[in-house]
């Protein structure tokens, strides 16, 4: 892998920015890894953040909207949808 096209990390000053991370709990191994990466970047940027865990992908937009309505400057929504035995992928 050349790393071409890889996003730059760091160098962003988000001091004073209120961020809510809304993360699904479904498929714990993947969701926890996504959350750890988001927290690492937010800490490096100096953002003031909090994490809200939700059951799955369907709850992400609803909780994200509420977070913005309650004063968050930004929302990071993390969820996993895997094609399988449920119809979630179709929605």
PDB file of N, CA and C in Angstrom:
ATOM      1  N   UNK A   1       0.836  -1.170   0.000  1.00  0.00           N
ATOM      2  CA  UNK A   1       0.000   0.000   0.000  1.00  0.00           C
ATOM      3  C   UNK A   1       0.882   1.234   0.000  1.00  0.00           C
ATOM      4  N   UNK A   2       0.611   2.155  -0.887  1.00  0.00           N
ATOM      5  CA  UNK A   2       1.429   3.351  -1.010  1.00  0.00           C
ATOM      6  C   UNK A   2       1.058   4.421   0.002  1.00  0.00           C
ATOM      7  N   UNK A   3      -0.149   4.388   0.492  1.00  0.00           N
ATOM      8  CA  UNK A   3      -0.618   5.442   1.390  1.00  0.00           C
ATOM      9  C   UNK A   3      -1.184   6.625   0.621  1.00  0.00           C
ATOM     10  N   UNK A   4      -1.162   6.542  -0.705  1.00  0.00           N
ATOM     11  CA  UNK A   4      -1.702   7.605  -1.535  1.00  0.00           C
ATOM     12  C   UNK A   4      -3.188   7.785  -1.252  1.00  0.00           C
ATOM     13  N   UNK A   5      -3.576   9.012  -1.029  1.00  0.00           N
ATOM     14  CA  UNK A   5      -4.978   9.291  -0.746  1.00  0.00           C
ATOM     15  C   UNK A   5      -5.353   9.137   0.715  1.00  0.00           C
ATOM     16  N   UNK A   6      -4.402   8.741   1.531  1.00  0.00           N
ATOM     17  CA  UNK A   6      -4.673   8.569   2.959  1.00  0.00           C
ATOM     18  C   UNK A   6      -4.977   9.930   3.582  1.00  0.00           C
ATOM     19  N   UNK A   7      -6.025  10.025   4.413  1.00  0.00           N
ATOM     20  CA  UNK A   7      -6.349  11.310   5.025  1.00  0.00           C
ATOM     21  C   UNK A   7      -5.250  11.755   5.983  1.00  0.00           C
ATOM     22  N   UNK A   8      -5.032  13.062   6.006  1.00  0.00           N
ATOM     23  CA  UNK A   8      -4.059  13.611   6.955  1.00  0.00           C
ATOM     24  C   UNK A   8      -4.659  13.586   8.352  1.00  0.00           C
ATOM     25  N   UNK A   9      -3.818  13.332   9.329  1.00  0.00           N
ATOM     26  CA  UNK A   9      -4.284  13.288  10.708  1.00  0.00           C
ATOM     27  C   UNK A   9      -3.527  14.330  11.520  1.00  0.00           C
ATOM     28  N   UNK A  10      -4.224  14.907  12.461  1.00  0.00           N
ATOM     29  CA  UNK A  10      -3.585  15.872  13.341  1.00  0.00           C
ATOM     30  C   UNK A  10      -3.567  17.263  12.722  1.00  0.00           C
ATOM     31  N   UNK A  11      -3.036  18.191  13.474  1.00  0.00           N
ATOM     32  CA  UNK A  11      -2.907  19.543  12.981  1.00  0.00           C
ATOM     33  C   UNK A  11      -4.177  20.365  13.016  1.00  0.00           C
ATOM     34  N   UNK A  12      -5.252  19.828  13.548  1.00  0.00           N
ATOM     35  CA  UNK A  12      -6.523  20.550  13.625  1.00  0.00           C
ATOM     36  C   UNK A  12      -6.722  21.009  15.063  1.00  0.00           C
ATOM     37  N   UNK A  13      -6.994  22.295  15.229  1.00  0.00           N
ATOM     38  CA  UNK A  13      -7.266  22.823  16.564  1.00  0.00           C
ATOM     39  C   UNK A  13      -8.770  22.968  16.726  1.00  0.00           C
ATOM     40  N   UNK A  14      -9.362  22.098  17.510  1.00  0.00           N
ATOM     41  CA  UNK A  14     -10.804  22.132  17.741  1.00  0.00           C
ATOM     42  C   UNK A  14     -11.121  22.581  19.160  1.00  0.00           C
ATOM     43  N   UNK A  15     -10.205  23.307  19.771  1.00  0.00           N
ATOM     44  CA  UNK A  15     -10.421  23.797  21.124  1.00  0.00           C
ATOM     45  C   UNK A  15     -11.711  24.611  21.180  1.00  0.00           C
ATOM     46  N   UNK A  16     -12.562  24.282  22.139  1.00  0.00           N
ATOM     47  CA  UNK A  16     -13.819  24.993  22.317  1.00  0.00           C
ATOM     48  C   UNK A  16     -14.972  24.443  21.489  1.00  0.00           C
ATOM     49  N   UNK A  17     -14.707  23.468  20.635  1.00  0.00           N
ATOM     50  CA  UNK A  17     -15.765  22.860  19.822  1.00  0.00           C
ATOM     51  C   UNK A  17     -16.405  21.734  20.624  1.00  0.00           C
ATOM     52  N   UNK A  18     -17.724  21.767  20.714  1.00  0.00           N
ATOM     53  CA  UNK A  18     -18.464  20.727  21.444  1.00  0.00           C
ATOM     54  C   UNK A  18     -18.933  19.661  20.463  1.00  0.00           C
ATOM     55  N   UNK A  19     -18.408  18.466  20.629  1.00  0.00           N
ATOM     56  CA  UNK A  19     -18.700  17.366  19.722  1.00  0.00           C
ATOM     57  C   UNK A  19     -19.390  16.248  20.497  1.00  0.00           C
ATOM     58  N   UNK A  20     -20.438  15.696  19.921  1.00  0.00           N
ATOM     59  CA  UNK A  20     -21.085  14.517  20.477  1.00  0.00           C
ATOM     60  C   UNK A  20     -20.813  13.366  19.516  1.00  0.00           C
ATOM     61  N   UNK A  21     -20.271  12.285  20.051  1.00  0.00           N
ATOM     62  CA  UNK A  21     -20.045  11.080  19.271  1.00  0.00           C
ATOM     63  C   UNK A  21     -21.189  10.122  19.585  1.00  0.00           C
ATOM     64  N   UNK A  22     -21.995   9.820  18.575  1.00  0.00           N
ATOM     65  CA  UNK A  22     -23.101   8.882  18.735  1.00  0.00           C
ATOM     66  C   UNK A  22     -22.644   7.570  18.107  1.00  0.00           C
ATOM     67  N   UNK A  23     -22.519   6.548  18.927  1.00  0.00           N
ATOM     68  CA  UNK A  23     -21.955   5.282  18.454  1.00  0.00           C
ATOM     69  C   UNK A  23     -22.884   4.122  18.769  1.00  0.00           C
ATOM     70  N   UNK A  24     -23.132   3.329  17.759  1.00  0.00           N
ATOM     71  CA  UNK A  24     -23.936   2.127  17.946  1.00  0.00           C
ATOM     72  C   UNK A  24     -23.173   1.089  18.757  1.00  0.00           C
ATOM     73  N   UNK A  25     -23.912   0.206  19.403  1.00  0.00           N
ATOM     74  CA  UNK A  25     -23.279  -0.851  20.196  1.00  0.00           C
ATOM     75  C   UNK A  25     -23.314  -2.197  19.492  1.00  0.00           C
ATOM     76  N   UNK A  26     -24.021  -2.258  18.360  1.00  0.00           N
ATOM     77  CA  UNK A  26     -24.113  -3.517  17.639  1.00  0.00           C
ATOM     78  C   UNK A  26     -22.764  -3.832  17.012  1.00  0.00           C
ATOM     79  N   UNK A  27     -22.373  -5.067  17.016  1.00  0.00           N
ATOM     80  CA  UNK A  27     -21.084  -5.587  16.549  1.00  0.00           C
ATOM     81  C   UNK A  27     -19.955  -4.886  17.320  1.00  0.00           C
ATOM     82  N   UNK A  28     -19.864  -5.264  18.570  1.00  0.00           N
ATOM     83  CA  UNK A  28     -19.000  -4.603  19.551  1.00  0.00           C
ATOM     84  C   UNK A  28     -17.549  -4.455  19.093  1.00  0.00           C
ATOM     85  N   UNK A  29     -16.991  -5.464  18.477  1.00  0.00           N
ATOM     86  CA  UNK A  29     -15.582  -5.401  18.079  1.00  0.00           C
ATOM     87  C   UNK A  29     -15.337  -4.244  17.108  1.00  0.00           C
ATOM     88  N   UNK A  30     -16.192  -4.106  16.118  1.00  0.00           N
ATOM     89  CA  UNK A  30     -16.012  -3.040  15.127  1.00  0.00           C
ATOM     90  C   UNK A  30     -16.410  -1.691  15.709  1.00  0.00           C
ATOM     91  N   UNK A  31     -17.542  -1.626  16.391  1.00  0.00           N
ATOM     92  CA  UNK A  31     -18.000  -0.333  16.915  1.00  0.00           C
ATOM     93  C   UNK A  31     -17.038   0.231  17.949  1.00  0.00           C
ATOM     94  N   UNK A  32     -16.480  -0.612  18.787  1.00  0.00           N
ATOM     95  CA  UNK A  32     -15.513  -0.134  19.778  1.00  0.00           C
ATOM     96  C   UNK A  32     -14.239   0.379  19.116  1.00  0.00           C
ATOM     97  N   UNK A  33     -13.819  -0.276  18.035  1.00  0.00           N
ATOM     98  CA  UNK A  33     -12.623   0.184  17.314  1.00  0.00           C
ATOM     99  C   UNK A  33     -12.878   1.531  16.637  1.00  0.00           C
ATOM    100  N   UNK A  34     -14.053   1.696  16.029  1.00  0.00           N
ATOM    101  CA  UNK A  34     -14.407   2.977  15.425  1.00  0.00           C
ATOM    102  C   UNK A  34     -14.428   4.081  16.476  1.00  0.00           C
ATOM    103  N   UNK A  35     -15.026   3.783  17.613  1.00  0.00           N
ATOM    104  CA  UNK A  35     -15.115   4.764  18.690  1.00  0.00           C
ATOM    105  C   UNK A  35     -13.734   5.129  19.214  1.00  0.00           C
ATOM    106  N   UNK A  36     -12.866   4.151  19.392  1.00  0.00           N
ATOM    107  CA  UNK A  36     -11.506   4.427  19.887  1.00  0.00           C
ATOM    108  C   UNK A  36     -10.764   5.353  18.934  1.00  0.00           C
ATOM    109  N   UNK A  37     -10.906   5.139  17.640  1.00  0.00           N
ATOM    110  CA  UNK A  37     -10.253   6.004  16.660  1.00  0.00           C
ATOM    111  C   UNK A  37     -10.794   7.420  16.699  1.00  0.00           C
ATOM    112  N   UNK A  38     -12.114   7.553  16.809  1.00  0.00           N
ATOM    113  CA  UNK A  38     -12.723   8.877  16.880  1.00  0.00           C
ATOM    114  C   UNK A  38     -12.278   9.613  18.140  1.00  0.00           C
ATOM    115  N   UNK A  39     -12.255   8.906  19.270  1.00  0.00           N
ATOM    116  CA  UNK A  39     -11.822   9.536  20.522  1.00  0.00           C
ATOM    117  C   UNK A  39     -10.365   9.980  20.446  1.00  0.00           C
ATOM    118  N   UNK A  40      -9.538   9.154  19.839  1.00  0.00           N
ATOM    119  CA  UNK A  40      -8.117   9.496  19.699  1.00  0.00           C
ATOM    120  C   UNK A  40      -7.958  10.798  18.893  1.00  0.00           C
ATOM    121  N   UNK A  41      -8.662  10.912  17.786  1.00  0.00           N
ATOM    122  CA  UNK A  41      -8.566  12.115  16.959  1.00  0.00           C
ATOM    123  C   UNK A  41      -9.145  13.344  17.669  1.00  0.00           C
ATOM    124  N   UNK A  42     -10.257  13.171  18.367  1.00  0.00           N
ATOM    125  CA  UNK A  42     -10.861  14.291  19.083  1.00  0.00           C
ATOM    126  C   UNK A  42      -9.963  14.772  20.209  1.00  0.00           C
ATOM    127  N   UNK A  43      -9.329  13.847  20.912  1.00  0.00           N
ATOM    128  CA  UNK A  43      -8.398  14.236  21.977  1.00  0.00           C
ATOM    129  C   UNK A  43      -7.201  14.979  21.406  1.00  0.00           C
ATOM    130  N   UNK A  44      -6.673  14.514  20.285  1.00  0.00           N
ATOM    131  CA  UNK A  44      -5.535  15.189  19.654  1.00  0.00           C
ATOM    132  C   UNK A  44      -5.903  16.600  19.203  1.00  0.00           C
ATOM    133  N   UNK A  45      -7.152  16.787  18.801  1.00  0.00           N
ATOM    134  CA  UNK A  45      -7.577  18.090  18.295  1.00  0.00           C
ATOM    135  C   UNK A  45      -7.953  19.065  19.408  1.00  0.00           C
ATOM    136  N   UNK A  46      -8.127  18.550  20.627  1.00  0.00           N
ATOM    137  CA  UNK A  46      -8.500  19.407  21.749  1.00  0.00           C
ATOM    138  C   UNK A  46      -9.985  19.678  21.857  1.00  0.00           C
ATOM    139  N   UNK A  47     -10.796  18.950  21.122  1.00  0.00           N
ATOM    140  CA  UNK A  47     -12.245  19.149  21.174  1.00  0.00           C
ATOM    141  C   UNK A  47     -12.804  18.711  22.520  1.00  0.00           C
ATOM    142  N   UNK A  48     -13.870  19.362  22.909  1.00  0.00           N
ATOM    143  CA  UNK A  48     -14.633  18.951  24.094  1.00  0.00           C
ATOM    144  C   UNK A  48     -15.701  17.990  23.588  1.00  0.00           C
ATOM    145  N   UNK A  49     -15.606  16.715  23.965  1.00  0.00           N
ATOM    146  CA  UNK A  49     -16.534  15.749  23.401  1.00  0.00           C
ATOM    147  C   UNK A  49     -17.128  14.856  24.476  1.00  0.00           C
ATOM    148  N   UNK A  50     -18.268  14.278  24.109  1.00  0.00           N
ATOM    149  CA  UNK A  50     -18.875  13.241  24.943  1.00  0.00           C
ATOM    150  C   UNK A  50     -19.411  12.166  24.022  1.00  0.00           C
ATOM    151  N   UNK A  51     -19.559  10.981  24.580  1.00  0.00           N
ATOM    152  CA  UNK A  51     -19.986   9.816  23.817  1.00  0.00           C
ATOM    153  C   UNK A  51     -21.378   9.402  24.274  1.00  0.00           C
ATOM    154  N   UNK A  52     -22.254   9.138  23.310  1.00  0.00           N
ATOM    155  CA  UNK A  52     -23.581   8.604  23.576  1.00  0.00           C
ATOM    156  C   UNK A  52     -23.671   7.286  22.812  1.00  0.00           C
ATOM    157  N   UNK A  53     -23.916   6.199  23.522  1.00  0.00           N
ATOM    158  CA  UNK A  53     -24.051   4.891  22.883  1.00  0.00           C
ATOM    159  C   UNK A  53     -25.533   4.612  22.628  1.00  0.00           C
ATOM    160  N   UNK A  54     -25.811   4.075  21.447  1.00  0.00           N
ATOM    161  CA  UNK A  54     -27.173   3.701  21.068  1.00  0.00           C
ATOM    162  C   UNK A  54     -27.160   2.253  20.611  1.00  0.00           C
ATOM    163  N   UNK A  55     -28.345   1.683  20.505  1.00  0.00           N
ATOM    164  CA  UNK A  55     -28.440   0.259  20.174  1.00  0.00           C
ATOM    165  C   UNK A  55     -27.895  -0.062  18.786  1.00  0.00           C
ATOM    166  N   UNK A  56     -28.253   0.730  17.792  1.00  0.00           N
ATOM    167  CA  UNK A  56     -27.836   0.383  16.438  1.00  0.00           C
ATOM    168  C   UNK A  56     -27.948   1.548  15.483  1.00  0.00           C
ATOM    169  N   UNK A  57     -27.872   1.249  14.198  1.00  0.00           N
ATOM    170  CA  UNK A  57     -27.818   2.273  13.156  1.00  0.00           C
ATOM    171  C   UNK A  57     -29.110   3.078  13.019  1.00  0.00           C
ATOM    172  N   UNK A  58     -30.254   2.475  13.300  1.00  0.00           N
ATOM    173  CA  UNK A  58     -31.514   3.202  13.165  1.00  0.00           C
ATOM    174  C   UNK A  58     -31.589   4.387  14.131  1.00  0.00           C
ATOM    175  N   UNK A  59     -30.976   4.271  15.282  1.00  0.00           N
ATOM    176  CA  UNK A  59     -31.040   5.332  16.292  1.00  0.00           C
ATOM    177  C   UNK A  59     -30.069   6.480  16.006  1.00  0.00           C
ATOM    178  N   UNK A  60     -29.078   6.254  15.187  1.00  0.00           N
ATOM    179  CA  UNK A  60     -28.041   7.265  14.955  1.00  0.00           C
ATOM    180  C   UNK A  60     -28.584   8.623  14.499  1.00  0.00           C
ATOM    181  N   UNK A  61     -29.411   8.699  13.455  1.00  0.00           N
ATOM    182  CA  UNK A  61     -29.855  10.026  13.013  1.00  0.00           C
ATOM    183  C   UNK A  61     -30.750  10.738  14.017  1.00  0.00           C
ATOM    184  N   UNK A  62     -31.558   9.984  14.740  1.00  0.00           N
ATOM    185  CA  UNK A  62     -32.466  10.603  15.711  1.00  0.00           C
ATOM    186  C   UNK A  62     -31.666  11.220  16.860  1.00  0.00           C
ATOM    187  N   UNK A  63     -30.738  10.455  17.409  1.00  0.00           N
ATOM    188  CA  UNK A  63     -29.942  10.949  18.532  1.00  0.00           C
ATOM    189  C   UNK A  63     -28.991  12.054  18.072  1.00  0.00           C
ATOM    190  N   UNK A  64     -28.472  11.958  16.861  1.00  0.00           N
ATOM    191  CA  UNK A  64     -27.604  13.010  16.317  1.00  0.00           C
ATOM    192  C   UNK A  64     -28.358  14.330  16.208  1.00  0.00           C
ATOM    193  N   UNK A  65     -29.588  14.268  15.720  1.00  0.00           N
ATOM    194  CA  UNK A  65     -30.403  15.475  15.595  1.00  0.00           C
ATOM    195  C   UNK A  65     -30.656  16.108  16.959  1.00  0.00           C
ATOM    196  N   UNK A  66     -30.987  15.287  17.941  1.00  0.00           N
ATOM    197  CA  UNK A  66     -31.230  15.805  19.293  1.00  0.00           C
ATOM    198  C   UNK A  66     -29.965  16.462  19.855  1.00  0.00           C
ATOM    199  N   UNK A  67     -28.810  15.838  19.630  1.00  0.00           N
ATOM    200  CA  UNK A  67     -27.553  16.409  20.125  1.00  0.00           C
ATOM    201  C   UNK A  67     -27.312  17.793  19.524  1.00  0.00           C
ATOM    202  N   UNK A  68     -27.569  17.952  18.238  1.00  0.00           N
ATOM    203  CA  UNK A  68     -27.394  19.256  17.598  1.00  0.00           C
ATOM    204  C   UNK A  68     -28.403  20.271  18.115  1.00  0.00           C
ATOM    205  N   UNK A  69     -29.640  19.843  18.328  1.00  0.00           N
ATOM    206  CA  UNK A  69     -30.668  20.734  18.858  1.00  0.00           C
ATOM    207  C   UNK A  69     -30.351  21.187  20.273  1.00  0.00           C
ATOM    208  N   UNK A  70     -29.609  20.359  21.023  1.00  0.00           N
ATOM    209  CA  UNK A  70     -29.267  20.693  22.408  1.00  0.00           C
ATOM    210  C   UNK A  70     -27.932  21.433  22.514  1.00  0.00           C
ATOM    211  N   UNK A  71     -27.343  21.825  21.372  1.00  0.00           N
ATOM    212  CA  UNK A  71     -26.180  22.703  21.433  1.00  0.00           C
ATOM    213  C   UNK A  71     -24.856  22.145  20.980  1.00  0.00           C
ATOM    214  N   UNK A  72     -24.804  20.919  20.539  1.00  0.00           N
ATOM    215  CA  UNK A  72     -23.533  20.392  20.029  1.00  0.00           C
ATOM    216  C   UNK A  72     -23.150  21.170  18.768  1.00  0.00           C
ATOM    217  N   UNK A  73     -21.866  21.447  18.618  1.00  0.00           N
ATOM    218  CA  UNK A  73     -21.379  22.107  17.411  1.00  0.00           C
ATOM    219  C   UNK A  73     -21.235  21.114  16.256  1.00  0.00           C
ATOM    220  N   UNK A  74     -20.980  19.868  16.594  1.00  0.00           N
ATOM    221  CA  UNK A  74     -20.801  18.827  15.580  1.00  0.00           C
ATOM    222  C   UNK A  74     -21.164  17.478  16.172  1.00  0.00           C
ATOM    223  N   UNK A  75     -21.529  16.560  15.287  1.00  0.00           N
ATOM    224  CA  UNK A  75     -21.839  15.193  15.691  1.00  0.00           C
ATOM    225  C   UNK A  75     -21.044  14.249  14.810  1.00  0.00           C
ATOM    226  N   UNK A  76     -20.481  13.220  15.442  1.00  0.00           N
ATOM    227  CA  UNK A  76     -19.842  12.127  14.722  1.00  0.00           C
ATOM    228  C   UNK A  76     -20.715  10.907  14.963  1.00  0.00           C
ATOM    229  N   UNK A  77     -21.279  10.348  13.891  1.00  0.00           N
ATOM    230  CA  UNK A  77     -22.160   9.187  14.010  1.00  0.00           C
ATOM    231  C   UNK A  77     -21.420   7.948  13.515  1.00  0.00           C
ATOM    232  N   UNK A  78     -21.337   6.935  14.380  1.00  0.00           N
ATOM    233  CA  UNK A  78     -20.609   5.710  14.054  1.00  0.00           C
ATOM    234  C   UNK A  78     -21.528   4.510  14.196  1.00  0.00           C
ATOM    235  N   UNK A  79     -21.703   3.779  13.121  1.00  0.00           N
ATOM    236  CA  UNK A  79     -22.553   2.604  13.172  1.00  0.00           C
ATOM    237  C   UNK A  79     -22.132   1.581  12.147  1.00  0.00           C
ATOM    238  N   UNK A  80     -22.627   0.385  12.310  1.00  0.00           N
ATOM    239  CA  UNK A  80     -22.280  -0.721  11.431  1.00  0.00           C
ATOM    240  C   UNK A  80     -23.559  -1.347  10.912  1.00  0.00           C
ATOM    241  N   UNK A  81     -23.605  -1.530   9.609  1.00  0.00           N
ATOM    242  CA  UNK A  81     -24.705  -2.282   8.998  1.00  0.00           C
ATOM    243  C   UNK A  81     -24.055  -3.347   8.133  1.00  0.00           C
ATOM    244  N   UNK A  82     -24.330  -4.603   8.438  1.00  0.00           N
ATOM    245  CA  UNK A  82     -23.744  -5.721   7.714  1.00  0.00           C
ATOM    246  C   UNK A  82     -24.869  -6.524   7.079  1.00  0.00           C
ATOM    247  N   UNK A  83     -24.717  -6.794   5.804  1.00  0.00           N
ATOM    248  CA  UNK A  83     -25.734  -7.605   5.114  1.00  0.00           C
ATOM    249  C   UNK A  83     -25.768  -8.986   5.752  1.00  0.00           C
ATOM    250  N   UNK A  84     -26.942  -9.409   6.112  1.00  0.00           N
ATOM    251  CA  UNK A  84     -27.040 -10.707   6.777  1.00  0.00           C
ATOM    252  C   UNK A  84     -28.474 -11.147   6.937  1.00  0.00           C
ATOM    253  N   UNK A  85     -28.773 -11.674   8.112  1.00  0.00           N
ATOM    254  CA  UNK A  85     -30.069 -12.285   8.369  1.00  0.00           C
ATOM    255  C   UNK A  85     -31.166 -11.314   8.731  1.00  0.00           C
ATOM    256  N   UNK A  86     -30.879 -10.012   8.798  1.00  0.00           N
ATOM    257  CA  UNK A  86     -31.907  -9.032   9.114  1.00  0.00           C
ATOM    258  C   UNK A  86     -32.089  -8.089   7.933  1.00  0.00           C
ATOM    259  N   UNK A  87     -33.220  -7.385   7.845  1.00  0.00           N
ATOM    260  CA  UNK A  87     -33.454  -6.486   6.714  1.00  0.00           C
ATOM    261  C   UNK A  87     -32.792  -5.116   6.855  1.00  0.00           C
ATOM    262  N   UNK A  88     -32.028  -4.862   7.917  1.00  0.00           N
ATOM    263  CA  UNK A  88     -31.439  -3.553   8.151  1.00  0.00           C
ATOM    264  C   UNK A  88     -30.679  -3.020   6.940  1.00  0.00           C
ATOM    265  N   UNK A  89     -29.941  -3.890   6.268  1.00  0.00           N
ATOM    266  CA  UNK A  89     -29.140  -3.469   5.131  1.00  0.00           C
ATOM    267  C   UNK A  89     -30.015  -2.849   4.035  1.00  0.00           C
ATOM    268  N   UNK A  90     -31.233  -3.345   3.892  1.00  0.00           N
ATOM    269  CA  UNK A  90     -32.133  -2.859   2.855  1.00  0.00           C
ATOM    270  C   UNK A  90     -32.661  -1.461   3.159  1.00  0.00           C
ATOM    271  N   UNK A  91     -32.713  -1.079   4.425  1.00  0.00           N
ATOM    272  CA  UNK A  91     -33.237   0.224   4.806  1.00  0.00           C
ATOM    273  C   UNK A  91     -32.168   1.270   4.777  1.00  0.00           C
TER     274      UNK A  91
END
